[in-house]
Amino acid sequence: MTFSAESHNLTVEGQTMVNEEKVQRKNSNKGRHRVPLRSLFRVASVACGVQFGWALQLSLLTPYVQELGIPHAWASLIWLCGPISGMLVQPLVGHMSDHCGSSWGRRRPFILMGSCLIVLAVLIIAYSSDLGFLLGDTSMSKPSAISIFVVGFWVLDLANNTLQGPCRALLADFTGKDHRRTRRANAFFSLFMAIGNILGFATGSYSNWYRILPFTRTTACDMNCANLKSAFLIGIMLLVCTTYLSMTAADEIPCPFSTVQREDTACSETPLLCQKPTSSQSSGLDGGRQLSRSQQDNEGGEDGSGAQTQTSIWELLSSFRGLSRPMWAILFVTALSWTAWFPFLLFDTDWMGREVYKGQPSAVLGRDALLYNEGVRMGSFGLLLNAVVLGSTSLIIEPLCRKWGPNIVWGVSNILLSLCFAAILAISLAAKHITFSDSGLPPVGIIVAALLVFATLGIPLAVTYSVPYALTSAFTQTISGGQGLSMGVLNLSIVIPQMIVSLGSGPWDQLFGGGNSPAFVVAAIAAFVSGMLTIVVLPKATAELPSSQIRS
């Protein structure tokens, strides 16, 4: 009996030591896969380069296409490629990046490809007038320049959608199931978007770039065209730098998706770096170990690349069937929010030039043209203030969400968005009935009020750029794919409203006299409804709740 008892004690002690070693190895793996915040900060920096170009698009390209000769009623159709490419390209790119077995990692090849496409598109847009002149355009008729510009613009939207999904997914990969770090990473992303906005809108509001870069002004490219060309060339340099910083910040673990479960090599901190989410993981079981390349090759079967290619489209479409009710609520609220945002994003500087300064973009020379261009520059300055507020707000989003909950923060910001659009309508009405000075410039009070609204809109925009993505990361355990696919699914709730606004805003505005106010009425209503639904309908999710507790 004594011998048996001693043997039993030795067995228990040995098992305890083995368990302790497993725990130590698990903790060691968790620490090894945890990406430092400074690396997340660098990964998010690519948003600065992307948003710089996006800011130039928003502030300069809608007025520029009208200067090329496209009527206001059809100008919004130029933006139609964005939602079309976003609906198709971003979910597919997200799915492909989830299944990419490149030695560079899963996301970085797509980030590099998207950056290269953006550089190509920006060069096409910047030199569209010069290329059109070589093809026979005149100062009064520019069909070739318009065609080249539209091609470049559509390629730019395609490139943006190729780049943005993998960028967001890479951050989600590096933060894993730590929802607090996910919100911080998205706050970093929002901060760099704000910095890109500040730099982009500041560049767009400066009117003397053609003097600093005199080679940009040519026979076919006047002062305004040369300023636009110079701004986009600066954007290329910034994008190259930020893409390099992002891609070299941290190494992805290029793990294929044939995995087996092993307790001793769990990587619950960043599960998407080294394993494919499976049904067992969706139920809360962590862990997994990648097989060696030879083991995967020997397995073959349904896990081969050929089968993945055959099932990729089906997985993309069938992902909607696995969405939880909270995720459907997020998609619906996001769609309403962007229905409110897009009329402003498409026509912000145009609204300032047309309805505040009472200028005309179709005027080639004269007072109307000068007033419109002055209004566009003042609108760019207002967007600069907007970006400063956006950046400041992004620094406090995470503590606000921790204190009040992300749904309350998002809902209140959407109600504030509705009030801002109501203020825009009031300013338009006041400018219409107030007599301007002999110089033709609007009263200072009108300009200050418009700039104040532009700046205040930075608060809800910061929330829109951050909170929906963090909530999506928290509620995507039911999607049968990785974070790339889930971000692509969220993007569908953004591009569908953009498509509706792009198709309908021009004719809708034309129906009521040709101004921008009718679209802003719809925007104000959509923002208010989305704010109320966010507060009342959207379930609460906090950083402390594990994914198994926030699913329904």
Protein backbone atom coordinates (compact mmCIF):
# COMPACT_ATOMS: atom_id res chain seq x y z
CA MET A 1 0.00 0.00 0.00
CA THR A 2 2.80 2.40 0.83
CA PHE A 3 4.50 1.78 -2.53
CA SER A 4 1.23 2.34 -4.38
CA ALA A 5 0.59 5.60 -2.53
CA GLU A 6 4.07 6.87 -3.28
CA SER A 7 3.66 5.93 -6.93
CA HIS A 8 0.35 7.73 -7.02
CA ASN A 9 1.90 10.86 -5.50
CA LEU A 10 4.76 10.76 -8.00
CA THR A 11 2.26 10.37 -10.83
CA VAL A 12 0.22 13.36 -9.61
CA GLU A 13 3.33 15.47 -9.19
CA GLY A 14 4.56 14.50 -12.65
CA GLN A 15 1.20 15.34 -14.22
CA THR A 16 1.17 18.68 -12.40
CA MET A 17 4.64 19.50 -13.77
CA VAL A 18 3.52 18.59 -17.31
CA ASN A 19 0.43 20.82 -16.98
CA GLU A 20 2.55 23.68 -15.66
CA GLU A 21 4.93 23.29 -18.61
CA LYS A 22 1.97 23.40 -21.04
CA VAL A 23 0.65 26.55 -19.40
CA GLN A 24 4.10 28.16 -19.57
CA ARG A 25 4.47 27.25 -23.26
CA LYS A 26 0.97 28.60 -23.97
CA ASN A 27 1.72 31.88 -22.22
CA SER A 28 5.06 32.07 -24.02
CA ASN A 29 3.34 31.65 -27.38
CA LYS A 30 0.78 34.28 -26.49
CA GLY A 31 3.49 36.75 -25.61
CA ARG A 32 5.44 35.92 -28.76
CA HIS A 33 2.47 36.57 -31.03
CA ARG A 34 1.35 39.77 -29.29
CA VAL A 35 2.13 42.71 -31.57
CA PRO A 36 3.35 45.84 -29.72
CA LEU A 37 1.23 48.98 -29.89
CA ARG A 38 4.04 50.85 -31.63
CA SER A 39 3.92 48.28 -34.43
CA LEU A 40 0.13 48.63 -34.68
CA PHE A 41 0.73 52.38 -34.89
CA ARG A 42 3.06 51.88 -37.87
CA VAL A 43 0.73 49.40 -39.56
CA ALA A 44 -2.08 51.96 -39.36
CA SER A 45 0.12 54.69 -40.88
CA VAL A 46 -0.77 53.61 -44.42
CA ALA A 47 -4.18 55.20 -43.79
CA CYS A 48 -2.43 58.59 -43.91
CA GLY A 49 -1.22 58.10 -47.48
CA VAL A 50 -4.52 56.65 -48.64
CA GLN A 51 -6.60 59.34 -46.97
CA PHE A 52 -4.41 62.12 -48.38
CA GLY A 53 -5.45 61.08 -51.87
CA TRP A 54 -9.05 60.58 -50.75
CA ALA A 55 -9.09 64.11 -49.31
CA LEU A 56 -7.92 65.48 -52.64
CA GLN A 57 -10.67 63.49 -54.35
CA LEU A 58 -13.34 64.88 -52.06
CA SER A 59 -12.21 68.50 -52.15
CA LEU A 60 -11.02 68.98 -55.74
CA LEU A 61 -12.36 66.37 -58.14
CA THR A 62 -16.10 67.12 -58.09
CA PRO A 63 -15.42 70.80 -58.91
CA TYR A 64 -12.76 69.76 -61.45
CA VAL A 65 -15.04 67.45 -63.42
CA GLN A 66 -17.53 70.30 -63.72
CA GLU A 67 -14.75 72.58 -64.96
CA LEU A 68 -13.97 69.94 -67.59
CA GLY A 69 -17.54 70.32 -68.81
CA ILE A 70 -19.59 67.64 -67.03
CA PRO A 71 -22.94 69.08 -65.78
CA HIS A 72 -23.69 69.09 -62.04
CA ALA A 73 -26.63 66.72 -62.51
CA TRP A 74 -24.26 64.05 -63.88
CA ALA A 75 -21.16 64.81 -61.80
CA SER A 76 -22.19 62.36 -59.08
CA LEU A 77 -22.21 59.51 -61.62
CA ILE A 78 -18.42 59.78 -61.81
CA TRP A 79 -18.38 58.42 -58.25
CA LEU A 80 -20.42 55.38 -59.21
CA CYS A 81 -17.35 53.20 -59.73
CA GLY A 82 -16.53 53.42 -56.03
CA PRO A 83 -19.57 51.45 -54.83
CA ILE A 84 -19.49 49.07 -57.79
CA SER A 85 -15.86 48.13 -57.24
CA GLY A 86 -16.39 48.14 -53.47
CA MET A 87 -19.31 45.73 -53.77
CA LEU A 88 -17.32 43.27 -55.87
CA VAL A 89 -13.63 43.93 -55.29
CA GLN A 90 -13.30 44.46 -51.54
CA PRO A 91 -15.15 41.29 -50.41
CA LEU A 92 -13.28 39.21 -52.98
CA VAL A 93 -9.94 40.78 -52.10
CA GLY A 94 -10.73 40.20 -48.43
CA HIS A 95 -11.55 36.55 -49.13
CA MET A 96 -8.42 36.10 -51.27
CA SER A 97 -6.24 37.68 -48.60
CA ASP A 98 -7.78 35.36 -45.98
CA HIS A 99 -6.58 32.42 -48.10
CA CYS A 100 -3.30 33.83 -49.43
CA GLY A 101 -0.27 31.60 -48.79
CA SER A 102 2.41 34.08 -49.87
CA SER A 103 5.72 34.11 -48.02
CA TRP A 104 5.09 37.84 -47.46
CA GLY A 105 2.00 37.04 -45.44
CA ARG A 106 -1.68 37.22 -46.33
CA ARG A 107 -2.39 40.95 -46.34
CA ARG A 108 0.81 42.66 -47.43
CA PRO A 109 0.80 41.48 -51.08
CA PHE A 110 -2.61 43.09 -51.54
CA ILE A 111 -1.55 46.25 -49.72
CA LEU A 112 1.42 46.60 -52.10
CA MET A 113 -0.70 45.87 -55.17
CA GLY A 114 -3.32 48.43 -54.11
CA SER A 115 -0.67 51.09 -53.52
CA CYS A 116 0.83 50.54 -56.97
CA LEU A 117 -2.61 50.83 -58.58
CA ILE A 118 -3.25 54.08 -56.70
CA VAL A 119 0.01 55.56 -58.02
CA LEU A 120 -0.96 54.60 -61.59
CA ALA A 121 -4.48 56.04 -61.24
CA VAL A 122 -3.25 59.31 -59.73
CA LEU A 123 -0.83 59.83 -62.62
CA ILE A 124 -3.65 59.25 -65.12
CA ILE A 125 -5.89 61.81 -63.35
CA ALA A 126 -3.13 64.37 -62.92
CA TYR A 127 -2.15 64.32 -66.60
CA SER A 128 -5.64 63.85 -68.11
CA SER A 129 -5.74 67.39 -69.53
CA ASP A 130 -2.29 67.06 -71.07
CA LEU A 131 -3.12 63.70 -72.62
CA GLY A 132 -6.44 65.05 -73.87
CA PHE A 133 -4.66 67.99 -75.51
CA LEU A 134 -2.37 65.57 -77.35
CA LEU A 135 -5.48 63.78 -78.61
CA GLY A 136 -7.03 66.97 -80.02
CA ASP A 137 -8.93 68.67 -77.16
CA THR A 138 -9.46 72.43 -77.17
CA SER A 139 -10.08 74.91 -74.35
CA MET A 140 -13.83 74.81 -75.05
CA SER A 141 -14.25 71.08 -75.64
CA LYS A 142 -12.39 68.36 -73.73
CA PRO A 143 -13.99 64.97 -74.53
CA SER A 144 -10.67 63.09 -74.52
CA ALA A 145 -9.60 64.63 -71.20
CA ILE A 146 -12.98 63.70 -69.69
CA SER A 147 -12.67 60.10 -70.89
CA ILE A 148 -9.10 59.76 -69.58
CA PHE A 149 -10.08 61.38 -66.28
CA VAL A 150 -13.02 58.98 -65.83
CA VAL A 151 -10.77 55.96 -66.50
CA GLY A 152 -8.21 57.21 -63.98
CA PHE A 153 -10.92 57.99 -61.44
CA TRP A 154 -12.42 54.53 -61.73
CA VAL A 155 -9.00 52.87 -61.46
CA LEU A 156 -8.39 54.96 -58.33
CA ASP A 157 -11.61 53.75 -56.73
CA LEU A 158 -10.71 50.17 -57.66
CA ALA A 159 -7.27 50.60 -56.09
CA ASN A 160 -8.69 52.15 -52.91
CA ASN A 161 -11.02 49.20 -52.44
CA THR A 162 -8.15 46.78 -53.08
CA LEU A 163 -6.05 48.44 -50.40
CA GLN A 164 -8.43 49.39 -47.60
CA GLY A 165 -9.88 45.96 -46.77
CA PRO A 166 -6.51 44.21 -46.24
CA CYS A 167 -5.28 47.19 -44.19
CA ARG A 168 -8.21 46.90 -41.78
CA ALA A 169 -7.96 43.10 -41.76
CA LEU A 170 -4.23 43.24 -40.96
CA LEU A 171 -4.96 45.32 -37.87
CA ALA A 172 -7.66 42.86 -36.84
CA ASP A 173 -5.21 39.99 -37.38
CA PHE A 174 -2.64 41.60 -35.12
CA THR A 175 -5.11 42.31 -32.31
CA GLY A 176 -7.01 39.00 -32.42
CA LYS A 177 -9.71 38.57 -29.78
CA ASP A 178 -8.53 41.43 -27.59
CA HIS A 179 -11.38 43.85 -28.32
CA ARG A 180 -9.77 46.69 -26.38
CA ARG A 181 -6.61 46.46 -28.53
CA THR A 182 -8.84 46.19 -31.60
CA ARG A 183 -10.50 49.49 -30.71
CA ARG A 184 -7.09 51.05 -30.09
CA ALA A 185 -5.82 49.82 -33.44
CA ASN A 186 -8.89 51.23 -35.19
CA ALA A 187 -8.40 54.48 -33.28
CA PHE A 188 -4.82 54.59 -34.63
CA PHE A 189 -6.23 54.02 -38.11
CA SER A 190 -8.75 56.82 -37.59
CA LEU A 191 -5.99 59.11 -36.30
CA PHE A 192 -3.88 58.55 -39.41
CA MET A 193 -6.93 59.10 -41.57
CA ALA A 194 -7.32 62.43 -39.80
CA ILE A 195 -3.67 63.30 -40.41
CA GLY A 196 -4.07 62.37 -44.07
CA ASN A 197 -7.19 64.51 -44.23
CA ILE A 198 -5.41 67.46 -42.65
CA LEU A 199 -2.50 67.24 -45.06
CA GLY A 200 -4.73 66.56 -48.06
CA PHE A 201 -7.21 69.36 -47.41
CA ALA A 202 -4.40 71.79 -46.58
CA THR A 203 -2.74 70.88 -49.87
CA GLY A 204 -6.02 71.29 -51.73
CA SER A 205 -6.74 74.69 -50.21
CA TYR A 206 -3.33 76.11 -51.22
CA SER A 207 -3.54 77.87 -54.60
CA ASN A 208 0.12 78.46 -55.46
CA TRP A 209 1.49 74.96 -55.98
CA TYR A 210 1.97 75.75 -59.66
CA ARG A 211 4.62 78.29 -58.64
CA ILE A 212 6.48 75.83 -56.41
CA LEU A 213 6.28 73.13 -59.10
CA PRO A 214 6.27 75.20 -62.30
CA PHE A 215 6.65 72.19 -64.60
CA THR A 216 3.04 71.21 -63.79
CA ARG A 217 1.60 74.19 -65.68
CA THR A 218 1.39 73.56 -69.42
CA THR A 219 -0.55 74.76 -72.44
CA ALA A 220 -3.35 72.32 -71.70
CA CYS A 221 -3.19 72.63 -67.91
CA ASP A 222 -4.08 76.02 -66.43
CA MET A 223 -3.48 77.28 -62.90
CA ASN A 224 -6.25 75.23 -61.22
CA CYS A 225 -5.26 72.11 -63.16
CA ALA A 226 -1.57 72.60 -62.22
CA ASN A 227 -2.48 72.93 -58.55
CA LEU A 228 -4.44 69.68 -58.72
CA LYS A 229 -1.57 67.93 -60.54
CA SER A 230 0.97 69.14 -57.98
CA ALA A 231 -1.20 68.01 -55.07
CA PHE A 232 -1.53 64.50 -56.49
CA LEU A 233 2.21 64.21 -57.12
CA ILE A 234 2.80 65.08 -53.46
CA GLY A 235 0.24 62.43 -52.57
CA ILE A 236 2.22 59.77 -54.45
CA MET A 237 5.34 60.49 -52.40
CA LEU A 238 3.40 60.32 -49.13
CA LEU A 239 1.71 57.04 -50.10
CA VAL A 240 5.03 55.39 -50.96
CA CYS A 241 6.50 56.37 -47.57
CA THR A 242 3.51 55.24 -45.49
CA THR A 243 3.14 51.98 -47.40
CA TYR A 244 6.78 51.15 -46.62
CA LEU A 245 6.29 51.97 -42.92
CA SER A 246 3.18 49.82 -42.73
CA MET A 247 4.57 46.79 -44.54
CA THR A 248 7.78 46.72 -42.47
CA ALA A 249 6.13 47.30 -39.08
CA ALA A 250 5.53 43.65 -38.15
CA ASP A 251 5.93 40.28 -39.81
CA GLU A 252 2.86 38.28 -40.66
CA ILE A 253 3.08 34.54 -40.03
CA PRO A 254 2.41 32.95 -43.42
CA CYS A 255 0.38 30.01 -42.15
CA PRO A 256 -1.77 28.01 -44.58
CA PHE A 257 -5.20 26.96 -43.40
CA SER A 258 -4.79 23.21 -43.02
CA THR A 259 -4.51 23.04 -39.25
CA VAL A 260 -4.81 20.58 -36.41
CA GLN A 261 -5.77 21.39 -32.87
CA ARG A 262 -3.00 21.36 -30.24
CA GLU A 263 -3.36 22.81 -26.75
CA ASP A 264 0.35 23.52 -26.37
CA THR A 265 0.63 25.97 -29.28
CA ALA A 266 -2.51 28.05 -28.90
CA CYS A 267 -2.28 31.60 -30.13
CA SER A 268 -5.48 33.12 -28.85
CA GLU A 269 -4.06 36.63 -28.89
CA THR A 270 -3.77 36.71 -32.70
CA PRO A 271 -5.58 33.63 -33.99
CA LEU A 272 -5.90 34.90 -37.55
CA LEU A 273 -2.12 35.09 -37.94
CA CYS A 274 -1.68 31.35 -37.79
CA GLN A 275 -4.92 29.48 -38.29
CA LYS A 276 -8.20 29.43 -40.09
CA PRO A 277 -11.32 29.98 -37.92
CA THR A 278 -13.18 26.71 -37.65
CA SER A 279 -16.50 25.67 -36.22
CA SER A 280 -14.83 24.63 -32.99
CA GLN A 281 -13.18 28.02 -32.64
CA SER A 282 -16.46 29.77 -33.29
CA SER A 283 -17.77 27.92 -30.28
CA GLY A 284 -15.05 29.36 -28.11
CA LEU A 285 -12.32 26.72 -28.45
CA ASP A 286 -8.91 28.28 -29.01
CA GLY A 287 -5.75 26.73 -30.24
CA GLY A 288 -4.32 25.21 -33.34
CA ARG A 289 -0.99 24.45 -34.92
CA GLN A 290 -0.01 24.90 -38.53
CA LEU A 291 1.11 21.82 -40.38
CA SER A 292 4.41 21.75 -42.14
CA ARG A 293 4.43 22.40 -45.87
CA SER A 294 5.15 18.73 -46.61
CA GLN A 295 2.26 17.60 -44.42
CA GLN A 296 -0.12 19.93 -46.25
CA ASP A 297 1.06 18.74 -49.64
CA ASN A 298 0.54 15.15 -48.63
CA GLU A 299 -2.97 15.78 -47.35
CA GLY A 300 -4.43 17.13 -50.58
CA GLY A 301 -8.15 16.60 -50.72
CA GLU A 302 -10.63 19.37 -50.10
CA ASP A 303 -8.08 21.67 -48.48
CA GLY A 304 -6.16 22.11 -51.74
CA SER A 305 -5.94 25.42 -53.54
CA GLY A 306 -8.14 24.20 -56.36
CA ALA A 307 -11.03 23.49 -54.00
CA GLN A 308 -10.54 26.86 -52.32
CA THR A 309 -10.80 28.59 -55.69
CA GLN A 310 -13.98 26.71 -56.54
CA THR A 311 -15.64 27.54 -53.23
CA SER A 312 -14.46 31.14 -52.80
CA ILE A 313 -17.46 32.78 -54.48
CA TRP A 314 -19.88 30.49 -52.65
CA GLU A 315 -18.22 31.26 -49.31
CA LEU A 316 -18.49 34.98 -50.03
CA LEU A 317 -22.22 34.73 -50.77
CA SER A 318 -23.01 32.22 -48.05
CA SER A 319 -21.27 34.31 -45.37
CA PHE A 320 -24.47 36.34 -45.00
CA ARG A 321 -26.36 33.27 -43.83
CA GLY A 322 -24.05 32.95 -40.85
CA LEU A 323 -24.41 36.54 -39.67
CA SER A 324 -25.79 37.03 -36.18
CA ARG A 325 -28.62 39.46 -35.46
CA PRO A 326 -26.23 42.02 -33.94
CA MET A 327 -24.14 41.95 -37.12
CA TRP A 328 -27.22 42.51 -39.29
CA ALA A 329 -28.07 45.49 -37.06
CA ILE A 330 -24.56 46.88 -37.53
CA LEU A 331 -24.86 46.54 -41.32
CA PHE A 332 -28.24 48.29 -41.39
CA VAL A 333 -27.14 51.18 -39.16
CA THR A 334 -23.91 51.53 -41.15
CA ALA A 335 -25.90 51.74 -44.39
CA LEU A 336 -28.10 54.52 -42.98
CA SER A 337 -25.07 56.38 -41.64
CA TRP A 338 -23.34 56.39 -45.01
CA THR A 339 -26.56 57.36 -46.76
CA ALA A 340 -26.28 60.50 -44.66
CA TRP A 341 -22.56 61.00 -45.21
CA PHE A 342 -22.24 60.64 -48.97
CA PRO A 343 -24.16 63.77 -50.06
CA PHE A 344 -21.76 65.80 -47.93
CA LEU A 345 -18.64 63.93 -49.03
CA LEU A 346 -19.54 64.31 -52.70
CA PHE A 347 -20.67 67.94 -52.67
CA ASP A 348 -19.04 69.64 -49.66
CA THR A 349 -16.74 72.06 -51.53
CA ASP A 350 -19.25 72.32 -54.38
CA TRP A 351 -21.91 73.38 -51.85
CA MET A 352 -19.58 76.06 -50.52
CA GLY A 353 -18.81 77.37 -54.00
CA ARG A 354 -22.40 77.23 -55.30
CA GLU A 355 -24.70 78.00 -52.40
CA VAL A 356 -22.53 79.97 -49.99
CA TYR A 357 -20.44 81.96 -52.50
CA LYS A 358 -23.06 81.79 -55.33
CA GLY A 359 -20.44 80.94 -57.96
CA GLN A 360 -20.76 78.79 -61.06
CA PRO A 361 -18.30 76.01 -61.98
CA SER A 362 -19.28 76.11 -65.64
CA ALA A 363 -18.10 79.72 -65.97
CA VAL A 364 -14.67 79.73 -67.63
CA LEU A 365 -13.78 83.29 -66.71
CA GLY A 366 -15.37 86.21 -64.88
CA ARG A 367 -16.80 86.89 -61.47
CA ASP A 368 -18.86 83.69 -61.19
CA ALA A 369 -15.82 81.51 -61.86
CA LEU A 370 -13.69 83.43 -59.34
CA LEU A 371 -16.37 83.19 -56.66
CA TYR A 372 -16.79 79.46 -57.24
CA ASN A 373 -13.05 78.79 -57.03
CA GLU A 374 -12.81 80.92 -53.89
CA GLY A 375 -15.68 78.94 -52.38
CA VAL A 376 -14.00 75.63 -53.24
CA ARG A 377 -10.77 76.78 -51.54
CA MET A 378 -12.73 77.93 -48.48
CA GLY A 379 -14.51 74.57 -48.47
CA SER A 380 -11.13 72.83 -48.51
CA PHE A 381 -10.11 74.95 -45.54
CA GLY A 382 -13.30 73.89 -43.77
CA LEU A 383 -12.44 70.27 -44.45
CA LEU A 384 -9.01 70.95 -42.98
CA LEU A 385 -10.70 72.09 -39.76
CA ASN A 386 -12.89 69.00 -40.00
CA ALA A 387 -9.80 66.79 -40.15
CA VAL A 388 -8.24 68.49 -37.11
CA VAL A 389 -11.39 67.83 -35.07
CA LEU A 390 -11.54 64.27 -36.45
CA GLY A 391 -7.97 63.59 -35.30
CA SER A 392 -8.58 65.04 -31.85
CA THR A 393 -11.80 63.06 -31.44
CA SER A 394 -10.15 59.79 -32.50
CA LEU A 395 -7.87 60.03 -29.45
CA ILE A 396 -10.79 59.86 -27.02
CA ILE A 397 -13.06 57.37 -28.79
CA GLU A 398 -11.68 54.32 -26.98
CA PRO A 399 -12.14 55.72 -23.43
CA LEU A 400 -15.59 57.04 -24.37
CA CYS A 401 -16.62 53.60 -25.66
CA ARG A 402 -15.27 52.02 -22.49
CA LYS A 403 -17.30 54.44 -20.33
CA TRP A 404 -20.61 54.67 -22.21
CA GLY A 405 -20.49 51.77 -24.65
CA PRO A 406 -19.83 51.89 -28.39
CA ASN A 407 -23.51 51.89 -29.34
CA ILE A 408 -24.22 55.05 -27.29
CA VAL A 409 -21.15 56.82 -28.71
CA TRP A 410 -22.11 55.88 -32.26
CA GLY A 411 -25.78 56.78 -31.80
CA VAL A 412 -25.12 60.21 -30.27
CA SER A 413 -22.61 61.00 -33.03
CA ASN A 414 -25.21 60.20 -35.71
CA ILE A 415 -27.75 62.48 -34.05
CA LEU A 416 -25.09 65.22 -34.01
CA LEU A 417 -24.57 64.49 -37.72
CA SER A 418 -28.27 65.09 -38.35
CA LEU A 419 -28.14 68.43 -36.52
CA CYS A 420 -25.15 69.51 -38.62
CA PHE A 421 -27.01 68.79 -41.85
CA ALA A 422 -29.97 70.78 -40.55
CA ALA A 423 -27.54 73.65 -39.95
CA ILE A 424 -26.26 73.34 -43.54
CA LEU A 425 -29.83 73.69 -44.81
CA ALA A 426 -30.32 76.79 -42.64
CA ILE A 427 -27.09 78.34 -43.98
CA SER A 428 -28.18 77.66 -47.57
CA LEU A 429 -31.52 79.32 -46.91
CA ALA A 430 -29.87 82.33 -45.27
CA ALA A 431 -27.33 82.76 -48.09
CA LYS A 432 -30.13 82.63 -50.64
CA HIS A 433 -32.05 85.53 -49.08
CA ILE A 434 -29.18 87.73 -47.90
CA THR A 435 -27.80 90.44 -50.16
CA PHE A 436 -24.06 90.15 -50.64
CA SER A 437 -21.59 93.03 -50.74
CA ASP A 438 -20.46 94.74 -53.94
CA SER A 439 -17.44 92.44 -54.08
CA GLY A 440 -19.77 89.47 -54.35
CA LEU A 441 -18.37 87.76 -51.27
CA PRO A 442 -20.82 86.39 -48.68
CA PRO A 443 -21.06 88.00 -45.21
CA VAL A 444 -18.44 86.93 -42.71
CA GLY A 445 -21.12 85.44 -40.44
CA ILE A 446 -22.27 83.06 -43.17
CA ILE A 447 -18.69 81.91 -43.86
CA VAL A 448 -17.93 81.43 -40.16
CA ALA A 449 -21.13 79.42 -39.66
CA ALA A 450 -20.30 77.16 -42.61
CA LEU A 451 -16.75 76.59 -41.36
CA LEU A 452 -18.08 75.82 -37.87
CA VAL A 453 -20.41 73.15 -39.28
CA PHE A 454 -17.58 71.64 -41.34
CA ALA A 455 -15.40 71.46 -38.22
CA THR A 456 -18.15 69.96 -36.02
CA LEU A 457 -18.75 67.21 -38.56
CA GLY A 458 -15.29 65.89 -37.68
CA ILE A 459 -16.71 64.46 -34.43
CA PRO A 460 -19.23 62.02 -35.98
CA LEU A 461 -16.84 61.28 -38.84
CA ALA A 462 -14.18 60.06 -36.38
CA VAL A 463 -16.73 57.72 -34.80
CA THR A 464 -17.89 56.48 -38.22
CA TYR A 465 -14.30 55.68 -39.20
CA SER A 466 -13.65 53.66 -36.04
CA VAL A 467 -16.55 52.21 -34.04
CA PRO A 468 -18.34 50.19 -36.79
CA TYR A 469 -15.10 48.37 -37.64
CA ALA A 470 -14.37 47.58 -34.00
CA LEU A 471 -17.93 46.27 -33.52
CA THR A 472 -17.61 44.18 -36.67
CA SER A 473 -14.45 42.57 -35.30
CA ALA A 474 -16.38 41.73 -32.11
CA PHE A 475 -19.43 40.28 -33.85
CA THR A 476 -17.88 38.25 -36.69
CA GLN A 477 -17.37 34.92 -34.99
CA THR A 478 -20.24 33.50 -37.05
CA ILE A 479 -18.73 34.37 -40.42
CA SER A 480 -17.10 31.32 -42.01
CA GLY A 481 -13.94 33.18 -43.00
CA GLY A 482 -11.34 35.56 -41.69
CA GLN A 483 -11.33 39.24 -40.86
CA GLY A 484 -10.70 40.14 -44.51
CA LEU A 485 -14.04 38.65 -45.51
CA SER A 486 -15.85 40.24 -42.57
CA MET A 487 -14.49 43.70 -43.46
CA GLY A 488 -15.59 43.10 -47.04
CA VAL A 489 -19.09 42.26 -45.85
CA LEU A 490 -19.19 45.46 -43.78
CA ASN A 491 -18.02 47.38 -46.84
CA LEU A 492 -21.16 46.26 -48.70
CA SER A 493 -23.24 48.32 -46.25
CA ILE A 494 -21.13 51.32 -47.27
CA VAL A 495 -20.99 50.91 -51.04
CA ILE A 496 -24.71 50.21 -51.55
CA PRO A 497 -25.71 53.61 -50.06
CA GLN A 498 -22.94 55.25 -52.09
CA MET A 499 -24.36 53.70 -55.25
CA ILE A 500 -27.84 54.97 -54.41
CA VAL A 501 -26.54 58.47 -53.68
CA SER A 502 -24.35 58.52 -56.79
CA LEU A 503 -27.24 57.51 -59.03
CA GLY A 504 -29.95 59.58 -57.39
CA SER A 505 -28.46 62.73 -55.87
CA GLY A 506 -27.82 64.59 -59.14
CA PRO A 507 -31.30 64.03 -60.66
CA TRP A 508 -32.88 64.47 -57.20
CA ASP A 509 -31.20 67.86 -56.75
CA GLN A 510 -32.08 68.83 -60.33
CA LEU A 511 -35.73 68.02 -59.66
CA PHE A 512 -35.81 70.73 -56.96
CA GLY A 513 -33.86 73.42 -58.78
CA GLY A 514 -30.31 72.15 -59.18
CA GLY A 515 -28.85 72.91 -55.74
CA ASN A 516 -27.43 70.53 -53.13
CA SER A 517 -30.07 71.13 -50.45
CA PRO A 518 -32.50 68.30 -51.42
CA ALA A 519 -29.77 65.70 -50.91
CA PHE A 520 -28.91 67.21 -47.52
CA VAL A 521 -32.57 66.87 -46.45
CA VAL A 522 -32.38 63.13 -47.09
CA ALA A 523 -29.01 63.03 -45.29
CA ALA A 524 -30.40 64.72 -42.18
CA ILE A 525 -33.30 62.27 -41.95
CA ALA A 526 -31.08 59.21 -42.51
CA ALA A 527 -28.60 60.38 -39.86
CA PHE A 528 -31.30 60.91 -37.24
CA VAL A 529 -32.92 57.52 -37.88
CA SER A 530 -29.56 55.73 -37.74
CA GLY A 531 -28.72 57.47 -34.47
CA MET A 532 -31.94 56.39 -32.80
CA LEU A 533 -31.64 52.81 -34.08
CA THR A 534 -28.04 52.59 -32.84
CA ILE A 535 -29.08 53.55 -29.32
CA VAL A 536 -32.30 51.53 -29.15
CA VAL A 537 -31.73 48.46 -31.35
CA LEU A 538 -28.00 47.77 -31.49
CA PRO A 539 -26.88 45.37 -28.73
CA LYS A 540 -24.23 46.47 -26.31
CA ALA A 541 -20.68 45.16 -26.66
CA THR A 542 -17.79 46.08 -24.43
CA ALA A 543 -14.07 45.43 -24.58
CA GLU A 544 -14.29 43.14 -21.58
CA LEU A 545 -16.88 40.75 -23.01
CA PRO A 546 -15.56 37.65 -24.74
CA SER A 547 -16.96 36.89 -28.14
CA SER A 548 -19.06 34.02 -26.82
CA GLN A 549 -21.02 36.45 -24.63
CA ILE A 550 -21.74 39.11 -27.25
CA ARG A 551 -23.12 36.77 -29.89
CA SER A 552 -26.80 36.08 -30.16
